[in-house]
Every structure is written in C-alpha cells, then in structure tokens.
C-alpha cells in the first residue's frame, strides 16, 4: 500500500539492489532533488548506506552480515537514518 501515499519509482536496473551508477536518469534526478528518500530492503541498505541524501532505511534484518552491520538481530525490523560517510575528522 506504500504506492497509495508515496511515489514508488523502479530504479531502472536489473541489480538486486540500488546501484546509483546503474540507475535511470529519472531516478538520479528524483534522488538528487528529493527532500526525503525512503529506502526499502536490506539489499538497498547495503548498496546505499553512506550515500548522500536525506534518506531513511526501512528493512527487516535477514542475515548475520546485516545484523552485524546494523547492530541488530536477524528478524528485527529496522528504521535507520542514513548518515553519509565523511572524508575525515569527526
């Protein structure tokens, strides 16, 4: 039902996650201009974590690798704000 309250856009890639380098021009334009981005799924978390943008990840932890990355437990539902990587300092 998410499409009833938000615009859901396919990323334009056959990859199992969102790789910005493979996304359609429309997705890049929307990504760069969005006030807030909601990113669904662990695969998209793994590919977009640390990218720029005011985004929030919604996912269920599916494996031990994801649990370690998210400091959570397998099976837990997670909402996490994206914190872009920095090039140094604090």
PDB file of N, CA and C in Angstrom:
ATOM      1  N   UNK A   1       0.784  -1.204   0.000  1.00  0.00           N
ATOM      2  CA  UNK A   1       0.000   0.000   0.000  1.00  0.00           C
ATOM      3  C   UNK A   1       0.831   1.276   0.000  1.00  0.00           C
ATOM      4  N   UNK A   2       2.166   1.150  -0.015  1.00  0.00           N
ATOM      5  CA  UNK A   2       3.021   2.339   0.009  1.00  0.00           C
ATOM      6  C   UNK A   2       2.744   3.252  -1.175  1.00  0.00           C
ATOM      7  N   UNK A   3       2.397   2.656  -2.315  1.00  0.00           N
ATOM      8  CA  UNK A   3       2.120   3.454  -3.517  1.00  0.00           C
ATOM      9  C   UNK A   3       0.876   4.330  -3.385  1.00  0.00           C
ATOM     10  N   UNK A   4       0.087   4.110  -2.362  1.00  0.00           N
ATOM     11  CA  UNK A   4      -1.107   4.928  -2.137  1.00  0.00           C
ATOM     12  C   UNK A   4      -0.766   6.264  -1.466  1.00  0.00           C
ATOM     13  N   UNK A   5       0.402   6.333  -0.804  1.00  0.00           N
ATOM     14  CA  UNK A   5       0.771   7.548  -0.078  1.00  0.00           C
ATOM     15  C   UNK A   5       2.101   8.144  -0.529  1.00  0.00           C
ATOM     16  N   UNK A   6       2.777   7.471  -1.462  1.00  0.00           N
ATOM     17  CA  UNK A   6       4.087   7.951  -1.916  1.00  0.00           C
ATOM     18  C   UNK A   6       4.295   7.553  -3.368  1.00  0.00           C
ATOM     19  N   UNK A   7       5.210   8.221  -4.015  1.00  0.00           N
ATOM     20  CA  UNK A   7       5.590   7.850  -5.375  1.00  0.00           C
ATOM     21  C   UNK A   7       6.636   6.750  -5.294  1.00  0.00           C
ATOM     22  N   UNK A   8       6.343   5.606  -5.885  1.00  0.00           N
ATOM     23  CA  UNK A   8       7.261   4.479  -5.912  1.00  0.00           C
ATOM     24  C   UNK A   8       7.822   4.407  -7.324  1.00  0.00           C
ATOM     25  N   UNK A   9       9.152   4.467  -7.441  1.00  0.00           N
ATOM     26  CA  UNK A   9       9.790   4.517  -8.750  1.00  0.00           C
ATOM     27  C   UNK A   9      10.776   3.356  -8.867  1.00  0.00           C
ATOM     28  N   UNK A  10      10.651   2.514  -9.913  1.00  0.00           N
ATOM     29  CA  UNK A  10      11.664   1.473 -10.131  1.00  0.00           C
ATOM     30  C   UNK A  10      13.008   2.138 -10.417  1.00  0.00           C
ATOM     31  N   UNK A  11      14.097   1.495 -10.001  1.00  0.00           N
ATOM     32  CA  UNK A  11      15.399   2.139 -10.151  1.00  0.00           C
ATOM     33  C   UNK A  11      15.992   2.046 -11.552  1.00  0.00           C
ATOM     34  N   UNK A  12      15.389   1.259 -12.428  1.00  0.00           N
ATOM     35  CA  UNK A  12      15.877   1.184 -13.806  1.00  0.00           C
ATOM     36  C   UNK A  12      17.022   0.209 -14.012  1.00  0.00           C
ATOM     37  N   UNK A  13      17.341  -0.571 -12.991  1.00  0.00           N
ATOM     38  CA  UNK A  13      18.455  -1.512 -13.073  1.00  0.00           C
ATOM     39  C   UNK A  13      17.966  -2.919 -12.771  1.00  0.00           C
ATOM     40  N   UNK A  14      18.670  -3.920 -13.305  1.00  0.00           N
ATOM     41  CA  UNK A  14      18.343  -5.315 -13.010  1.00  0.00           C
ATOM     42  C   UNK A  14      19.082  -5.826 -11.774  1.00  0.00           C
ATOM     43  N   UNK A  15      19.926  -4.997 -11.181  1.00  0.00           N
ATOM     44  CA  UNK A  15      20.684  -5.404  -9.990  1.00  0.00           C
ATOM     45  C   UNK A  15      19.709  -5.672  -8.838  1.00  0.00           C
ATOM     46  N   UNK A  16      20.083  -6.564  -7.913  1.00  0.00           N
ATOM     47  CA  UNK A  16      19.197  -6.868  -6.781  1.00  0.00           C
ATOM     48  C   UNK A  16      19.200  -5.781  -5.703  1.00  0.00           C
ATOM     49  N   UNK A  17      19.882  -4.688  -5.955  1.00  0.00           N
ATOM     50  CA  UNK A  17      19.927  -3.553  -5.033  1.00  0.00           C
ATOM     51  C   UNK A  17      20.022  -2.289  -5.888  1.00  0.00           C
ATOM     52  N   UNK A  18      19.963  -1.133  -5.246  1.00  0.00           N
ATOM     53  CA  UNK A  18      20.042   0.123  -5.983  1.00  0.00           C
ATOM     54  C   UNK A  18      21.493   0.577  -6.061  1.00  0.00           C
ATOM     55  N   UNK A  19      22.051   0.465  -7.265  1.00  0.00           N
ATOM     56  CA  UNK A  19      23.398   0.943  -7.542  1.00  0.00           C
ATOM     57  C   UNK A  19      23.231   2.227  -8.334  1.00  0.00           C
ATOM     58  N   UNK A  20      23.514   3.360  -7.710  1.00  0.00           N
ATOM     59  CA  UNK A  20      23.245   4.644  -8.362  1.00  0.00           C
ATOM     60  C   UNK A  20      23.897   4.748  -9.731  1.00  0.00           C
ATOM     61  N   UNK A  21      25.052   4.128  -9.912  1.00  0.00           N
ATOM     62  CA  UNK A  21      25.736   4.179 -11.206  1.00  0.00           C
ATOM     63  C   UNK A  21      24.964   3.459 -12.305  1.00  0.00           C
ATOM     64  N   UNK A  22      23.996   2.623 -11.934  1.00  0.00           N
ATOM     65  CA  UNK A  22      23.211   1.868 -12.916  1.00  0.00           C
ATOM     66  C   UNK A  22      21.760   2.336 -13.008  1.00  0.00           C
ATOM     67  N   UNK A  23      21.402   3.359 -12.261  1.00  0.00           N
ATOM     68  CA  UNK A  23      20.014   3.827 -12.228  1.00  0.00           C
ATOM     69  C   UNK A  23      19.690   4.686 -13.441  1.00  0.00           C
ATOM     70  N   UNK A  24      18.403   4.751 -13.734  1.00  0.00           N
ATOM     71  CA  UNK A  24      17.927   5.565 -14.849  1.00  0.00           C
ATOM     72  C   UNK A  24      18.130   7.049 -14.547  1.00  0.00           C
ATOM     73  N   UNK A  25      18.219   7.880 -15.582  1.00  0.00           N
ATOM     74  CA  UNK A  25      18.336   9.329 -15.368  1.00  0.00           C
ATOM     75  C   UNK A  25      17.180   9.886 -14.525  1.00  0.00           C
ATOM     76  N   UNK A  26      15.976   9.334 -14.694  1.00  0.00           N
ATOM     77  CA  UNK A  26      14.828   9.793 -13.904  1.00  0.00           C
ATOM     78  C   UNK A  26      15.066   9.547 -12.413  1.00  0.00           C
ATOM     79  N   UNK A  27      15.568   8.367 -12.072  1.00  0.00           N
ATOM     80  CA  UNK A  27      15.817   8.038 -10.670  1.00  0.00           C
ATOM     81  C   UNK A  27      16.905   8.946 -10.092  1.00  0.00           C
ATOM     82  N   UNK A  28      17.960   9.190 -10.839  1.00  0.00           N
ATOM     83  CA  UNK A  28      19.035  10.071 -10.363  1.00  0.00           C
ATOM     84  C   UNK A  28      18.491  11.481 -10.130  1.00  0.00           C
ATOM     85  N   UNK A  29      17.668  11.966 -11.051  1.00  0.00           N
ATOM     86  CA  UNK A  29      17.076  13.296 -10.907  1.00  0.00           C
ATOM     87  C   UNK A  29      16.202  13.356  -9.655  1.00  0.00           C
ATOM     88  N   UNK A  30      15.356  12.365  -9.463  1.00  0.00           N
ATOM     89  CA  UNK A  30      14.488  12.322  -8.284  1.00  0.00           C
ATOM     90  C   UNK A  30      15.302  12.184  -7.003  1.00  0.00           C
ATOM     91  N   UNK A  31      16.300  11.341  -7.030  1.00  0.00           N
ATOM     92  CA  UNK A  31      17.160  11.123  -5.858  1.00  0.00           C
ATOM     93  C   UNK A  31      17.846  12.428  -5.448  1.00  0.00           C
ATOM     94  N   UNK A  32      18.398  13.130  -6.435  1.00  0.00           N
ATOM     95  CA  UNK A  32      19.131  14.373  -6.155  1.00  0.00           C
ATOM     96  C   UNK A  32      18.222  15.515  -5.704  1.00  0.00           C
ATOM     97  N   UNK A  33      16.951  15.477  -6.080  1.00  0.00           N
ATOM     98  CA  UNK A  33      16.065  16.603  -5.772  1.00  0.00           C
ATOM     99  C   UNK A  33      15.080  16.327  -4.632  1.00  0.00           C
ATOM    100  N   UNK A  34      15.045  15.105  -4.124  1.00  0.00           N
ATOM    101  CA  UNK A  34      14.073  14.742  -3.087  1.00  0.00           C
ATOM    102  C   UNK A  34      14.412  15.363  -1.742  1.00  0.00           C
ATOM    103  N   UNK A  35      13.375  15.784  -1.026  1.00  0.00           N
ATOM    104  CA  UNK A  35      13.559  16.280   0.338  1.00  0.00           C
ATOM    105  C   UNK A  35      13.861  15.126   1.288  1.00  0.00           C
ATOM    106  N   UNK A  36      13.174  13.996   1.099  1.00  0.00           N
ATOM    107  CA  UNK A  36      13.360  12.806   1.925  1.00  0.00           C
ATOM    108  C   UNK A  36      13.221  11.590   1.021  1.00  0.00           C
ATOM    109  N   UNK A  37      14.070  10.600   1.239  1.00  0.00           N
ATOM    110  CA  UNK A  37      14.028   9.357   0.476  1.00  0.00           C
ATOM    111  C   UNK A  37      13.816   8.215   1.458  1.00  0.00           C
ATOM    112  N   UNK A  38      12.833   7.364   1.181  1.00  0.00           N
ATOM    113  CA  UNK A  38      12.614   6.166   1.980  1.00  0.00           C
ATOM    114  C   UNK A  38      13.129   4.992   1.160  1.00  0.00           C
ATOM    115  N   UNK A  39      14.097   4.290   1.705  1.00  0.00           N
ATOM    116  CA  UNK A  39      14.752   3.178   1.020  1.00  0.00           C
ATOM    117  C   UNK A  39      14.311   1.881   1.684  1.00  0.00           C
ATOM    118  N   UNK A  40      13.726   0.971   0.899  1.00  0.00           N
ATOM    119  CA  UNK A  40      13.179  -0.267   1.449  1.00  0.00           C
ATOM    120  C   UNK A  40      14.097  -1.448   1.154  1.00  0.00           C
ATOM    121  N   UNK A  41      14.343  -2.252   2.160  1.00  0.00           N
ATOM    122  CA  UNK A  41      15.018  -3.530   1.990  1.00  0.00           C
ATOM    123  C   UNK A  41      16.498  -3.534   2.342  1.00  0.00           C
ATOM    124  N   UNK A  42      16.957  -4.707   2.806  1.00  0.00           N
ATOM    125  CA  UNK A  42      18.348  -4.856   3.231  1.00  0.00           C
ATOM    126  C   UNK A  42      19.324  -4.691   2.081  1.00  0.00           C
ATOM    127  N   UNK A  43      19.000  -5.195   0.904  1.00  0.00           N
ATOM    128  CA  UNK A  43      19.892  -5.047  -0.252  1.00  0.00           C
ATOM    129  C   UNK A  43      20.118  -3.584  -0.591  1.00  0.00           C
ATOM    130  N   UNK A  44      19.051  -2.798  -0.554  1.00  0.00           N
ATOM    131  CA  UNK A  44      19.186  -1.367  -0.819  1.00  0.00           C
ATOM    132  C   UNK A  44      19.958  -0.672   0.303  1.00  0.00           C
ATOM    133  N   UNK A  45      19.804  -1.140   1.529  1.00  0.00           N
ATOM    134  CA  UNK A  45      20.618  -0.598   2.624  1.00  0.00           C
ATOM    135  C   UNK A  45      22.096  -0.836   2.328  1.00  0.00           C
ATOM    136  N   UNK A  46      22.430  -2.058   1.937  1.00  0.00           N
ATOM    137  CA  UNK A  46      23.824  -2.405   1.697  1.00  0.00           C
ATOM    138  C   UNK A  46      24.429  -1.591   0.553  1.00  0.00           C
ATOM    139  N   UNK A  47      23.623  -1.243  -0.449  1.00  0.00           N
ATOM    140  CA  UNK A  47      24.171  -0.508  -1.591  1.00  0.00           C
ATOM    141  C   UNK A  47      24.113   1.007  -1.430  1.00  0.00           C
ATOM    142  N   UNK A  48      23.231   1.520  -0.577  1.00  0.00           N
ATOM    143  CA  UNK A  48      23.065   2.978  -0.461  1.00  0.00           C
ATOM    144  C   UNK A  48      23.525   3.558   0.871  1.00  0.00           C
ATOM    145  N   UNK A  49      23.852   2.714   1.829  1.00  0.00           N
ATOM    146  CA  UNK A  49      24.314   3.208   3.125  1.00  0.00           C
ATOM    147  C   UNK A  49      25.541   4.083   2.908  1.00  0.00           C
ATOM    148  N   UNK A  50      25.490   5.284   3.453  1.00  0.00           N
ATOM    149  CA  UNK A  50      26.614   6.203   3.330  1.00  0.00           C
ATOM    150  C   UNK A  50      26.547   7.130   2.132  1.00  0.00           C
ATOM    151  N   UNK A  51      25.595   6.922   1.226  1.00  0.00           N
ATOM    152  CA  UNK A  51      25.430   7.842   0.096  1.00  0.00           C
ATOM    153  C   UNK A  51      24.813   9.138   0.603  1.00  0.00           C
ATOM    154  N   UNK A  52      25.008  10.192  -0.141  1.00  0.00           N
ATOM    155  CA  UNK A  52      24.413  11.478   0.229  1.00  0.00           C
ATOM    156  C   UNK A  52      22.900  11.400   0.080  1.00  0.00           C
ATOM    157  N   UNK A  53      22.221  12.292   0.751  1.00  0.00           N
ATOM    158  CA  UNK A  53      20.769  12.342   0.652  1.00  0.00           C
ATOM    159  C   UNK A  53      20.124  12.189   2.010  1.00  0.00           C
ATOM    160  N   UNK A  54      19.007  12.850   2.183  1.00  0.00           N
ATOM    161  CA  UNK A  54      18.254  12.751   3.421  1.00  0.00           C
ATOM    162  C   UNK A  54      17.373  11.522   3.314  1.00  0.00           C
ATOM    163  N   UNK A  55      17.914  10.367   3.682  1.00  0.00           N
ATOM    164  CA  UNK A  55      17.183   9.130   3.480  1.00  0.00           C
ATOM    165  C   UNK A  55      17.064   8.319   4.765  1.00  0.00           C
ATOM    166  N   UNK A  56      16.046   7.483   4.754  1.00  0.00           N
ATOM    167  CA  UNK A  56      15.770   6.582   5.861  1.00  0.00           C
ATOM    168  C   UNK A  56      15.595   5.182   5.297  1.00  0.00           C
ATOM    169  N   UNK A  57      16.216   4.208   5.946  1.00  0.00           N
ATOM    170  CA  UNK A  57      16.121   2.812   5.528  1.00  0.00           C
ATOM    171  C   UNK A  57      15.058   2.105   6.345  1.00  0.00           C
ATOM    172  N   UNK A  58      14.196   1.364   5.668  1.00  0.00           N
ATOM    173  CA  UNK A  58      13.182   0.522   6.306  1.00  0.00           C
ATOM    174  C   UNK A  58      13.466  -0.903   5.860  1.00  0.00           C
ATOM    175  N   UNK A  59      13.749  -1.787   6.796  1.00  0.00           N
ATOM    176  CA  UNK A  59      14.092  -3.150   6.398  1.00  0.00           C
ATOM    177  C   UNK A  59      13.916  -4.126   7.542  1.00  0.00           C
ATOM    178  N   UNK A  60      13.897  -5.383   7.171  1.00  0.00           N
ATOM    179  CA  UNK A  60      13.940  -6.466   8.149  1.00  0.00           C
ATOM    180  C   UNK A  60      15.302  -7.131   7.966  1.00  0.00           C
ATOM    181  N   UNK A  61      16.028  -7.309   9.058  1.00  0.00           N
ATOM    182  CA  UNK A  61      17.356  -7.915   9.004  1.00  0.00           C
ATOM    183  C   UNK A  61      17.202  -9.384   8.625  1.00  0.00           C
ATOM    184  N   UNK A  62      17.901  -9.790   7.544  1.00  0.00           N
ATOM    185  CA  UNK A  62      17.705 -11.134   7.006  1.00  0.00           C
ATOM    186  C   UNK A  62      18.874 -12.085   7.238  1.00  0.00           C
ATOM    187  N   UNK A  63      20.035 -11.565   7.643  1.00  0.00           N
ATOM    188  CA  UNK A  63      21.181 -12.453   7.793  1.00  0.00           C
ATOM    189  C   UNK A  63      22.145 -11.901   8.841  1.00  0.00           C
ATOM    190  N   UNK A  64      23.113 -12.729   9.220  1.00  0.00           N
ATOM    191  CA  UNK A  64      24.082 -12.327  10.237  1.00  0.00           C
ATOM    192  C   UNK A  64      24.941 -11.145   9.786  1.00  0.00           C
ATOM    193  N   UNK A  65      25.273 -11.071   8.498  1.00  0.00           N
ATOM    194  CA  UNK A  65      26.059  -9.940   7.990  1.00  0.00           C
ATOM    195  C   UNK A  65      25.281  -8.642   8.197  1.00  0.00           C
ATOM    196  N   UNK A  66      23.998  -8.643   7.823  1.00  0.00           N
ATOM    197  CA  UNK A  66      23.151  -7.470   8.023  1.00  0.00           C
ATOM    198  C   UNK A  66      22.990  -7.146   9.494  1.00  0.00           C
ATOM    199  N   UNK A  67      22.853  -8.164  10.322  1.00  0.00           N
ATOM    200  CA  UNK A  67      22.712  -7.948  11.764  1.00  0.00           C
ATOM    201  C   UNK A  67      23.951  -7.263  12.331  1.00  0.00           C
ATOM    202  N   UNK A  68      25.110  -7.682  11.873  1.00  0.00           N
ATOM    203  CA  UNK A  68      26.358  -7.064  12.330  1.00  0.00           C
ATOM    204  C   UNK A  68      26.445  -5.622  11.849  1.00  0.00           C
ATOM    205  N   UNK A  69      26.135  -5.379  10.577  1.00  0.00           N
ATOM    206  CA  UNK A  69      26.199  -4.028  10.025  1.00  0.00           C
ATOM    207  C   UNK A  69      25.266  -3.081  10.769  1.00  0.00           C
ATOM    208  N   UNK A  70      24.089  -3.579  11.122  1.00  0.00           N
ATOM    209  CA  UNK A  70      23.054  -2.745  11.733  1.00  0.00           C
ATOM    210  C   UNK A  70      23.034  -2.825  13.258  1.00  0.00           C
ATOM    211  N   UNK A  71      23.946  -3.594  13.814  1.00  0.00           N
ATOM    212  CA  UNK A  71      23.979  -3.792  15.275  1.00  0.00           C
ATOM    213  C   UNK A  71      22.602  -4.200  15.782  1.00  0.00           C
ATOM    214  N   UNK A  72      22.061  -5.224  15.145  1.00  0.00           N
ATOM    215  CA  UNK A  72      20.715  -5.693  15.443  1.00  0.00           C
ATOM    216  C   UNK A  72      20.727  -7.212  15.449  1.00  0.00           C
ATOM    217  N   UNK A  73      19.548  -7.810  15.423  1.00  0.00           N
ATOM    218  CA  UNK A  73      19.421  -9.261  15.368  1.00  0.00           C
ATOM    219  C   UNK A  73      18.663  -9.669  14.126  1.00  0.00           C
ATOM    220  N   UNK A  74      18.966 -10.855  13.606  1.00  0.00           N
ATOM    221  CA  UNK A  74      18.250 -11.389  12.451  1.00  0.00           C
ATOM    222  C   UNK A  74      16.767 -11.443  12.785  1.00  0.00           C
ATOM    223  N   UNK A  75      15.942 -10.947  11.856  1.00  0.00           N
ATOM    224  CA  UNK A  75      14.499 -10.945  12.029  1.00  0.00           C
ATOM    225  C   UNK A  75      13.932  -9.635  12.529  1.00  0.00           C
ATOM    226  N   UNK A  76      14.774  -8.773  13.063  1.00  0.00           N
ATOM    227  CA  UNK A  76      14.296  -7.487  13.597  1.00  0.00           C
ATOM    228  C   UNK A  76      13.937  -6.531  12.463  1.00  0.00           C
ATOM    229  N   UNK A  77      12.903  -5.731  12.698  1.00  0.00           N
ATOM    230  CA  UNK A  77      12.556  -4.644  11.780  1.00  0.00           C
ATOM    231  C   UNK A  77      13.393  -3.435  12.192  1.00  0.00           C
ATOM    232  N   UNK A  78      13.926  -2.718  11.199  1.00  0.00           N
ATOM    233  CA  UNK A  78      14.830  -1.603  11.469  1.00  0.00           C
ATOM    234  C   UNK A  78      14.400  -0.377  10.675  1.00  0.00           C
ATOM    235  N   UNK A  79      14.444   0.765  11.312  1.00  0.00           N
ATOM    236  CA  UNK A  79      14.341   2.069  10.659  1.00  0.00           C
ATOM    237  C   UNK A  79      15.621   2.799  11.030  1.00  0.00           C
ATOM    238  N   UNK A  80      16.390   3.217  10.024  1.00  0.00           N
ATOM    239  CA  UNK A  80      17.687   3.836  10.289  1.00  0.00           C
ATOM    240  C   UNK A  80      17.871   5.047   9.386  1.00  0.00           C
ATOM    241  N   UNK A  81      18.289   6.147   9.974  1.00  0.00           N
ATOM    242  CA  UNK A  81      18.583   7.335   9.172  1.00  0.00           C
ATOM    243  C   UNK A  81      19.947   7.164   8.529  1.00  0.00           C
ATOM    244  N   UNK A  82      20.039   7.549   7.258  1.00  0.00           N
ATOM    245  CA  UNK A  82      21.299   7.474   6.535  1.00  0.00           C
ATOM    246  C   UNK A  82      22.251   8.533   7.053  1.00  0.00           C
ATOM    247  N   UNK A  83      23.449   8.133   7.379  1.00  0.00           N
ATOM    248  CA  UNK A  83      24.490   9.058   7.799  1.00  0.00           C
ATOM    249  C   UNK A  83      25.615   8.975   6.775  1.00  0.00           C
ATOM    250  N   UNK A  84      25.703   9.965   5.861  1.00  0.00           N
ATOM    251  CA  UNK A  84      26.731   9.911   4.817  1.00  0.00           C
ATOM    252  C   UNK A  84      28.127   9.795   5.394  1.00  0.00           C
ATOM    253  N   UNK A  85      28.975   9.061   4.685  1.00  0.00           N
ATOM    254  CA  UNK A  85      30.375   8.917   5.084  1.00  0.00           C
ATOM    255  C   UNK A  85      31.072  10.268   4.965  1.00  0.00           C
ATOM    256  N   UNK A  86      32.033  10.484   5.807  1.00  0.00           N
ATOM    257  CA  UNK A  86      32.832  11.710   5.715  1.00  0.00           C
ATOM    258  C   UNK A  86      34.239  11.345   5.290  1.00  0.00           C
ATOM    259  N   UNK A  87      34.954  12.324   4.787  1.00  0.00           N
ATOM    260  CA  UNK A  87      36.299  12.037   4.285  1.00  0.00           C
ATOM    261  C   UNK A  87      37.366  12.209   5.358  1.00  0.00           C
ATOM    262  N   UNK A  88      36.977  12.459   6.570  1.00  0.00           N
ATOM    263  CA  UNK A  88      37.956  12.591   7.643  1.00  0.00           C
ATOM    264  C   UNK A  88      37.363  13.359   8.806  1.00  0.00           C
ATOM    265  N   UNK A  89      38.147  13.526   9.841  1.00  0.00           N
ATOM    266  CA  UNK A  89      37.666  14.265  11.005  1.00  0.00           C
ATOM    267  C   UNK A  89      36.663  13.469  11.805  1.00  0.00           C
ATOM    268  N   UNK A  90      35.829  14.174  12.540  1.00  0.00           N
ATOM    269  CA  UNK A  90      34.835  13.513  13.385  1.00  0.00           C
ATOM    270  C   UNK A  90      33.619  13.080  12.627  1.00  0.00           C
TER     271      UNK A  90
END
